[in-house]
Amino acid sequence: MGRFAPTNLDLDGKVILVTGGTGSFGRRFIETVLTRARPRKLIVYSRDELKQSEMQIDLAERFSAEQLHAMRFFLGDVRDRERLSLALRGVDVVIHAAALKQVPAAEYNPSECIHTNVLGAENVVWGCLANRVKQVVALSTDKACNPINLYGATKLASDKTFVAANNLSGDIGTRFSVVRYGNVVGSRGSVIPFFQRLMQRGAAELPITDPRMTRFLITLGEGVDFVLSSLDRMHGGEIFVPKIPSMRITDIAETLAPGMATRIVGIRPGEKLHEMMISADDARNTVDLGDRYAIEPAFVEYTRAPLEGAAIADDFSYVSDTNPEWLDGPGLLRMLDEDKPRDRRRRSND
């Protein structure tokens, strides 16, 4: 387990539902929970029957029948409030990972992105309150901080929806928090798999949007651990931000393909040169928790103890080009090696 591994979280006997559970994060989250805990039910909620079928086959090759006894696969879309509410009956913990995430696709299809990312978030909140779910953690993105593209704007609206939902829970007591982190190195759509595919196809050069571009990097495993540990530490209303390294896009290309030629193709519509996870405007509400920051809710009308952390400077901002932690080539290769899928099969009598 890595730097964000939870220390006190106990998911044994719990009923857990993951929206978007067949995505890169959802699959790794499911595998991690099956490996470390014995939940009563572990529910994948997603809209793609083929991906669910493929996931069931893959899990059957990795885990024992006893572990898989907890698995449930529920076809549905977060846009469908009634279907979602039906799936949430008896659920203790929700991890909301479903979203439309491709920046160019969102720019071209804004209404579709809004329906899934904004109205879908509202449906998750409504369904969790109606079913008295105890804890909800929603996944966000660095693009939600000072957004310049529609995807980031919809995720900012989603973040605000989940934070404000704590004020609606009343005697229900549901607590909602958000996690916000950077590019996931092993996920679909990440620049690293894109570069690797080009290399496998015999490309003579790698496309670089801008040689100055920087990004925050986190592995899938670290992302899952960060969500689990934030679930362990949440009081409700926080936006948790991990302390993770930055890397220049040119250094990523040189590490994966030493000496290969590059071609500058320009920044895509809606793309930033550098990503930000905490703005100076959020600094006044942010505390330093050691391995992460937490942006505390500015508006609280529910019983909530503040997190115990150190205050940060009022002019603080957390941006990929001014980040004090940087990743070099060997560090990136270690990160990729450590995050490779391992054989997670365990005997039923472990």
Protein backbone atom coordinates (compact mmCIF):
# COMPACT_ATOMS: atom_id res chain seq x y z
CA MET A 1 0.00 0.00 0.00
CA GLY A 2 1.21 3.48 -0.89
CA ARG A 3 1.42 6.92 0.60
CA PHE A 4 -2.35 7.47 0.96
CA ALA A 5 -3.33 4.07 2.34
CA PRO A 6 -6.10 4.31 4.98
CA THR A 7 -5.22 3.26 8.52
CA ASN A 8 -8.56 2.95 10.35
CA LEU A 9 -11.15 2.36 7.63
CA ASP A 10 -13.28 -0.76 8.14
CA LEU A 11 -15.47 -1.77 5.21
CA ASP A 12 -16.24 -5.29 6.44
CA GLY A 13 -19.97 -5.93 6.37
CA LYS A 14 -20.71 -2.66 4.55
CA VAL A 15 -22.79 -2.23 1.40
CA ILE A 16 -20.80 -0.12 -1.10
CA LEU A 17 -21.96 1.22 -4.47
CA VAL A 18 -19.66 2.66 -7.13
CA THR A 19 -21.17 4.72 -9.93
CA GLY A 20 -19.19 4.38 -13.15
CA GLY A 21 -17.79 1.19 -11.65
CA THR A 22 -16.55 -0.25 -14.96
CA GLY A 23 -14.20 2.68 -15.62
CA SER A 24 -10.47 2.68 -14.89
CA PHE A 25 -10.92 3.97 -11.35
CA GLY A 26 -13.97 1.83 -10.61
CA ARG A 27 -12.30 -1.40 -11.63
CA ARG A 28 -9.21 -0.72 -9.51
CA PHE A 29 -11.39 0.40 -6.58
CA ILE A 30 -13.43 -2.83 -6.75
CA GLU A 31 -10.29 -4.97 -6.92
CA THR A 32 -8.74 -3.12 -3.97
CA VAL A 33 -11.80 -3.49 -1.76
CA LEU A 34 -12.17 -7.18 -2.62
CA THR A 35 -8.51 -7.70 -1.70
CA ARG A 36 -8.52 -5.79 1.59
CA ALA A 37 -12.04 -6.12 2.99
CA ARG A 38 -15.11 -8.32 3.21
CA PRO A 39 -18.04 -6.07 2.29
CA ARG A 40 -21.55 -7.47 2.50
CA LYS A 41 -22.29 -6.13 -0.98
CA LEU A 42 -20.11 -4.37 -3.53
CA ILE A 43 -22.29 -2.88 -6.27
CA VAL A 44 -21.14 -1.73 -9.70
CA TYR A 45 -23.60 0.81 -11.12
CA SER A 46 -22.95 1.63 -14.77
CA ARG A 47 -24.72 1.80 -18.12
CA ASP A 48 -22.56 -0.42 -20.36
CA GLU A 49 -23.58 -4.09 -20.28
CA LEU A 50 -20.54 -5.19 -22.31
CA LYS A 51 -18.09 -3.60 -19.88
CA GLN A 52 -19.95 -5.18 -16.96
CA SER A 53 -19.75 -8.62 -18.62
CA GLU A 54 -16.04 -8.21 -19.33
CA MET A 55 -15.45 -7.05 -15.76
CA GLN A 56 -17.23 -10.09 -14.33
CA ILE A 57 -15.05 -12.41 -16.42
CA ASP A 58 -11.88 -10.59 -15.37
CA LEU A 59 -12.79 -10.65 -11.67
CA ALA A 60 -13.58 -14.38 -11.85
CA GLU A 61 -9.99 -14.98 -13.00
CA ARG A 62 -8.54 -12.95 -10.12
CA PHE A 63 -10.68 -13.65 -7.06
CA SER A 64 -12.24 -16.57 -5.22
CA ALA A 65 -15.93 -17.43 -5.35
CA GLU A 66 -16.23 -16.44 -1.70
CA GLN A 67 -14.94 -12.94 -2.40
CA LEU A 68 -17.11 -12.53 -5.49
CA HIS A 69 -20.20 -13.49 -3.52
CA ALA A 70 -20.41 -9.80 -2.53
CA MET A 71 -20.44 -8.52 -6.12
CA ARG A 72 -23.56 -7.07 -7.70
CA PHE A 73 -23.84 -5.54 -11.17
CA PHE A 74 -26.61 -3.00 -11.65
CA LEU A 75 -27.31 -1.57 -15.11
CA GLY A 76 -28.31 2.07 -14.93
CA ASP A 77 -27.39 5.67 -15.71
CA VAL A 78 -26.85 8.45 -13.17
CA ARG A 79 -29.17 10.51 -15.34
CA ASP A 80 -32.04 8.18 -14.34
CA ARG A 81 -33.03 9.29 -10.83
CA GLU A 82 -35.59 6.52 -10.24
CA ARG A 83 -33.25 3.73 -11.33
CA LEU A 84 -30.40 5.17 -9.28
CA SER A 85 -32.59 5.49 -6.20
CA LEU A 86 -33.64 1.86 -6.59
CA ALA A 87 -29.99 0.77 -6.72
CA LEU A 88 -29.18 2.76 -3.56
CA ARG A 89 -31.56 0.91 -1.26
CA GLY A 90 -29.68 -0.38 1.78
CA VAL A 91 -26.36 1.14 0.69
CA ASP A 92 -23.93 2.44 3.36
CA VAL A 93 -21.20 4.03 1.21
CA VAL A 94 -21.30 5.57 -2.27
CA ILE A 95 -18.28 6.37 -4.42
CA HIS A 96 -19.40 8.58 -7.30
CA ALA A 97 -17.00 8.06 -10.21
CA ALA A 98 -19.39 8.28 -13.18
CA ALA A 99 -18.71 11.23 -15.48
CA LEU A 100 -18.14 12.31 -19.05
CA LYS A 101 -14.46 13.29 -18.96
CA GLN A 102 -13.12 14.02 -22.45
CA VAL A 103 -12.48 17.76 -22.79
CA PRO A 104 -12.92 18.04 -26.61
CA ALA A 105 -16.06 15.86 -26.54
CA ALA A 106 -17.56 18.04 -23.82
CA GLU A 107 -16.83 21.20 -25.83
CA TYR A 108 -18.64 19.73 -28.82
CA ASN A 109 -21.49 18.09 -26.84
CA PRO A 110 -22.11 20.45 -23.91
CA SER A 111 -25.64 19.35 -23.10
CA GLU A 112 -24.60 15.70 -22.79
CA CYS A 113 -21.79 16.63 -20.40
CA ILE A 114 -24.13 18.78 -18.31
CA HIS A 115 -26.77 16.05 -18.09
CA THR A 116 -24.28 13.48 -16.80
CA ASN A 117 -21.89 15.56 -14.70
CA VAL A 118 -24.24 18.15 -13.20
CA LEU A 119 -27.74 16.68 -13.23
CA GLY A 120 -26.28 13.24 -12.55
CA ALA A 121 -24.56 14.62 -9.42
CA GLU A 122 -27.88 16.06 -8.26
CA ASN A 123 -29.51 12.65 -8.79
CA VAL A 124 -26.80 10.96 -6.71
CA VAL A 125 -27.39 13.46 -3.88
CA TRP A 126 -31.15 13.01 -4.05
CA GLY A 127 -30.92 9.22 -4.13
CA CYS A 128 -28.45 9.09 -1.23
CA LEU A 129 -30.62 11.33 0.94
CA ALA A 130 -33.79 9.39 0.05
CA ASN A 131 -32.09 6.11 1.01
CA ARG A 132 -30.22 7.40 4.09
CA VAL A 133 -26.78 6.49 2.75
CA LYS A 134 -24.19 7.20 5.45
CA GLN A 135 -21.15 8.42 3.47
CA VAL A 136 -20.65 9.70 -0.07
CA VAL A 137 -17.35 10.56 -1.76
CA ALA A 138 -17.46 12.15 -5.21
CA LEU A 139 -14.47 12.15 -7.57
CA SER A 140 -13.48 15.51 -9.03
CA THR A 141 -10.59 16.74 -11.18
CA ASP A 142 -7.95 19.44 -11.21
CA LYS A 143 -9.87 20.93 -14.15
CA ALA A 144 -12.65 21.96 -11.73
CA CYS A 145 -10.40 24.61 -10.16
CA ASN A 146 -10.66 27.89 -12.10
CA PRO A 147 -12.14 26.02 -15.08
CA ILE A 148 -11.65 27.20 -18.64
CA ASN A 149 -13.45 24.28 -20.35
CA LEU A 150 -16.95 22.88 -20.06
CA TYR A 151 -15.81 19.63 -18.47
CA GLY A 152 -14.09 21.54 -15.66
CA ALA A 153 -17.10 23.81 -15.25
CA THR A 154 -19.47 20.85 -14.90
CA LYS A 155 -17.19 19.23 -12.33
CA LEU A 156 -17.01 22.48 -10.38
CA ALA A 157 -20.83 22.53 -10.35
CA SER A 158 -20.78 18.90 -9.23
CA ASP A 159 -18.31 19.70 -6.43
CA LYS A 160 -20.53 22.55 -5.21
CA THR A 161 -23.57 20.27 -5.33
CA PHE A 162 -21.96 17.62 -3.14
CA VAL A 163 -20.51 20.09 -0.65
CA ALA A 164 -23.84 21.90 -0.27
CA ALA A 165 -25.72 18.60 0.07
CA ASN A 166 -24.50 18.34 3.67
CA ASN A 167 -26.81 21.25 4.50
CA LEU A 168 -29.78 19.25 3.22
CA SER A 169 -29.24 16.03 5.16
CA GLY A 170 -30.87 17.18 8.42
CA ASP A 171 -31.66 14.23 10.69
CA ILE A 172 -30.82 11.83 7.85
CA GLY A 173 -27.14 12.47 8.64
CA THR A 174 -25.68 11.65 5.23
CA ARG A 175 -22.22 13.14 4.82
CA PHE A 176 -20.82 14.17 1.44
CA SER A 177 -17.20 14.97 0.55
CA VAL A 178 -15.17 15.41 -2.64
CA VAL A 179 -11.70 14.29 -3.74
CA ARG A 180 -9.85 16.31 -6.38
CA TYR A 181 -6.65 15.07 -8.02
CA GLY A 182 -4.64 15.29 -11.23
CA ASN A 183 -3.92 13.11 -14.24
CA VAL A 184 -4.09 9.38 -13.54
CA VAL A 185 -1.12 7.81 -15.29
CA GLY A 186 -2.72 4.45 -16.05
CA SER A 187 -6.22 5.55 -16.95
CA ARG A 188 -7.83 5.56 -20.37
CA GLY A 189 -7.32 8.98 -21.95
CA SER A 190 -4.07 9.67 -20.11
CA VAL A 191 -1.15 10.90 -22.19
CA ILE A 192 1.06 7.97 -21.12
CA PRO A 193 -1.09 5.16 -22.64
CA PHE A 194 -1.51 7.43 -25.69
CA PHE A 195 2.24 7.74 -26.14
CA GLN A 196 2.69 4.00 -25.56
CA ARG A 197 0.11 3.14 -28.24
CA LEU A 198 1.88 5.39 -30.74
CA MET A 199 5.19 3.72 -29.97
CA GLN A 200 3.70 0.23 -30.39
CA ARG A 201 2.40 1.27 -33.81
CA GLY A 202 5.87 2.33 -34.88
CA ALA A 203 5.40 6.10 -34.78
CA ALA A 204 8.51 8.09 -35.68
CA GLU A 205 7.62 11.02 -33.43
CA LEU A 206 5.41 11.92 -30.46
CA PRO A 207 2.98 14.86 -30.56
CA ILE A 208 3.57 17.51 -27.88
CA THR A 209 0.91 20.14 -27.28
CA ASP A 210 3.29 22.69 -25.74
CA PRO A 211 6.84 22.11 -24.41
CA ARG A 212 6.05 24.26 -21.34
CA MET A 213 3.05 22.14 -20.31
CA THR A 214 3.05 20.55 -16.84
CA ARG A 215 0.66 18.16 -15.13
CA PHE A 216 0.04 16.67 -11.68
CA LEU A 217 0.48 12.87 -11.79
CA ILE A 218 -1.04 10.15 -9.62
CA THR A 219 -1.35 6.39 -10.17
CA LEU A 220 -4.63 4.50 -10.15
CA GLY A 221 -3.59 2.71 -6.98
CA GLU A 222 -2.76 5.98 -5.25
CA GLY A 223 -6.07 7.44 -6.43
CA VAL A 224 -8.00 4.54 -4.90
CA ASP A 225 -6.03 4.78 -1.65
CA PHE A 226 -6.64 8.51 -1.56
CA VAL A 227 -10.40 8.02 -1.90
CA LEU A 228 -10.43 5.32 0.78
CA SER A 229 -8.35 7.35 3.22
CA SER A 230 -10.49 10.44 2.57
CA LEU A 231 -13.56 8.33 3.30
CA ASP A 232 -11.87 7.43 6.58
CA ARG A 233 -11.09 11.07 7.50
CA MET A 234 -14.10 12.98 6.16
CA HIS A 235 -16.34 15.08 8.39
CA GLY A 236 -18.53 16.23 5.51
CA GLY A 237 -18.15 19.11 3.07
CA GLU A 238 -14.40 18.90 2.44
CA ILE A 239 -12.67 18.86 -0.91
CA PHE A 240 -9.58 16.71 -0.33
CA VAL A 241 -6.54 17.41 -2.52
CA PRO A 242 -3.51 15.06 -2.44
CA LYS A 243 0.09 16.23 -2.39
CA ILE A 244 1.40 14.63 -5.59
CA PRO A 245 4.29 15.36 -7.98
CA SER A 246 4.28 17.36 -11.20
CA MET A 247 6.04 16.53 -14.45
CA ARG A 248 6.66 18.32 -17.74
CA ILE A 249 5.07 16.77 -20.81
CA THR A 250 8.43 16.83 -22.59
CA ASP A 251 10.02 14.84 -19.73
CA ILE A 252 7.23 12.26 -19.94
CA ALA A 253 7.88 11.81 -23.66
CA GLU A 254 11.66 11.56 -23.17
CA THR A 255 11.24 9.00 -20.38
CA LEU A 256 8.92 6.74 -22.39
CA ALA A 257 10.79 7.10 -25.69
CA PRO A 258 14.36 8.32 -25.14
CA GLY A 259 15.69 10.17 -28.14
CA MET A 260 12.47 9.97 -30.16
CA ALA A 261 11.58 13.07 -32.14
CA THR A 262 8.66 15.23 -31.02
CA ARG A 263 6.28 17.47 -32.94
CA ILE A 264 4.57 20.54 -31.45
CA VAL A 265 0.84 20.35 -32.27
CA GLY A 266 -0.53 23.15 -30.08
CA ILE A 267 -2.87 23.21 -27.10
CA ARG A 268 -6.32 21.75 -27.76
CA PRO A 269 -9.49 23.82 -27.23
CA GLY A 270 -10.26 24.10 -23.52
CA GLU A 271 -6.83 22.85 -22.42
CA LYS A 272 -4.64 24.60 -19.85
CA LEU A 273 -0.87 25.03 -19.96
CA HIS A 274 -0.66 24.20 -16.24
CA GLU A 275 -3.28 22.65 -13.97
CA MET A 276 -4.44 24.06 -10.64
CA MET A 277 -6.00 22.17 -7.73
CA ILE A 278 -6.27 24.95 -5.13
CA SER A 279 -6.66 28.60 -6.08
CA ALA A 280 -5.65 31.60 -3.95
CA ASP A 281 -9.36 32.29 -3.47
CA ASP A 282 -9.74 28.86 -1.80
CA ALA A 283 -6.65 29.28 0.37
CA ARG A 284 -8.46 31.02 3.22
CA ASN A 285 -10.59 27.90 3.71
CA THR A 286 -7.80 25.36 3.19
CA VAL A 287 -5.87 23.39 5.82
CA ASP A 288 -2.70 21.33 5.47
CA LEU A 289 -3.20 17.75 6.71
CA GLY A 290 0.32 16.52 6.00
CA ASP A 291 -0.12 14.23 3.00
CA ARG A 292 -3.00 16.29 1.58
CA TYR A 293 -4.86 19.56 1.72
CA ALA A 294 -8.52 19.95 2.55
CA ILE A 295 -10.66 22.84 1.34
CA GLU A 296 -13.17 23.29 4.14
CA PRO A 297 -16.77 24.25 3.34
CA ALA A 298 -17.37 28.01 3.47
CA PHE A 299 -21.06 27.65 4.33
CA VAL A 300 -22.02 25.22 7.12
CA GLU A 301 -25.50 24.71 8.53
CA TYR A 302 -24.97 21.25 9.99
CA THR A 303 -23.10 19.76 12.93
CA ARG A 304 -19.49 19.42 11.86
CA ALA A 305 -16.16 19.51 13.67
CA PRO A 306 -13.39 21.20 11.64
CA LEU A 307 -10.48 19.09 10.50
CA GLU A 308 -7.34 19.41 12.60
CA GLY A 309 -4.73 20.80 10.25
CA ALA A 310 -2.31 23.66 9.80
CA ALA A 311 -3.49 26.91 8.23
CA ILE A 312 -1.85 27.96 4.97
CA ALA A 313 -0.92 31.38 3.63
CA ASP A 314 -3.74 33.50 2.23
CA ASP A 315 -1.96 33.83 -1.11
CA PHE A 316 -1.26 30.09 -1.43
CA SER A 317 -2.15 28.27 -4.63
CA TYR A 318 -1.43 24.72 -5.70
CA VAL A 319 -0.43 24.72 -9.38
CA SER A 320 1.45 22.10 -11.39
CA ASP A 321 4.25 24.45 -12.53
CA THR A 322 4.99 25.86 -9.05
CA ASN A 323 4.53 22.57 -7.20
CA PRO A 324 7.54 21.89 -4.91
CA GLU A 325 7.46 18.15 -5.71
CA TRP A 326 8.67 17.09 -9.17
CA LEU A 327 8.89 13.69 -10.82
CA ASP A 328 11.95 12.71 -12.87
CA GLY A 329 12.25 9.95 -15.47
CA PRO A 330 13.30 7.14 -13.10
CA GLY A 331 10.56 8.20 -10.71
CA LEU A 332 7.94 7.95 -13.45
CA LEU A 333 9.16 4.49 -14.46
CA ARG A 334 9.02 3.34 -10.82
CA MET A 335 5.50 4.74 -10.56
CA LEU A 336 4.39 2.84 -13.66
CA ASP A 337 6.03 -0.39 -12.49
CA GLU A 338 4.54 -0.20 -8.99
CA ASP A 339 1.07 0.40 -10.42
CA LYS A 340 1.06 -2.61 -12.75
CA PRO A 341 -1.85 -4.99 -12.05
CA ARG A 342 -0.83 -7.85 -9.82
CA ASP A 343 -2.48 -11.25 -9.32
CA ARG A 344 -5.09 -10.46 -6.70
CA ARG A 345 -6.55 -13.95 -6.33
CA ARG A 346 -6.88 -15.06 -2.70
CA ARG A 347 -7.93 -18.43 -1.39
CA SER A 348 -11.40 -18.54 0.14
CA ASN A 349 -9.94 -19.63 3.49
CA ASP A 350 -7.38 -16.78 3.70
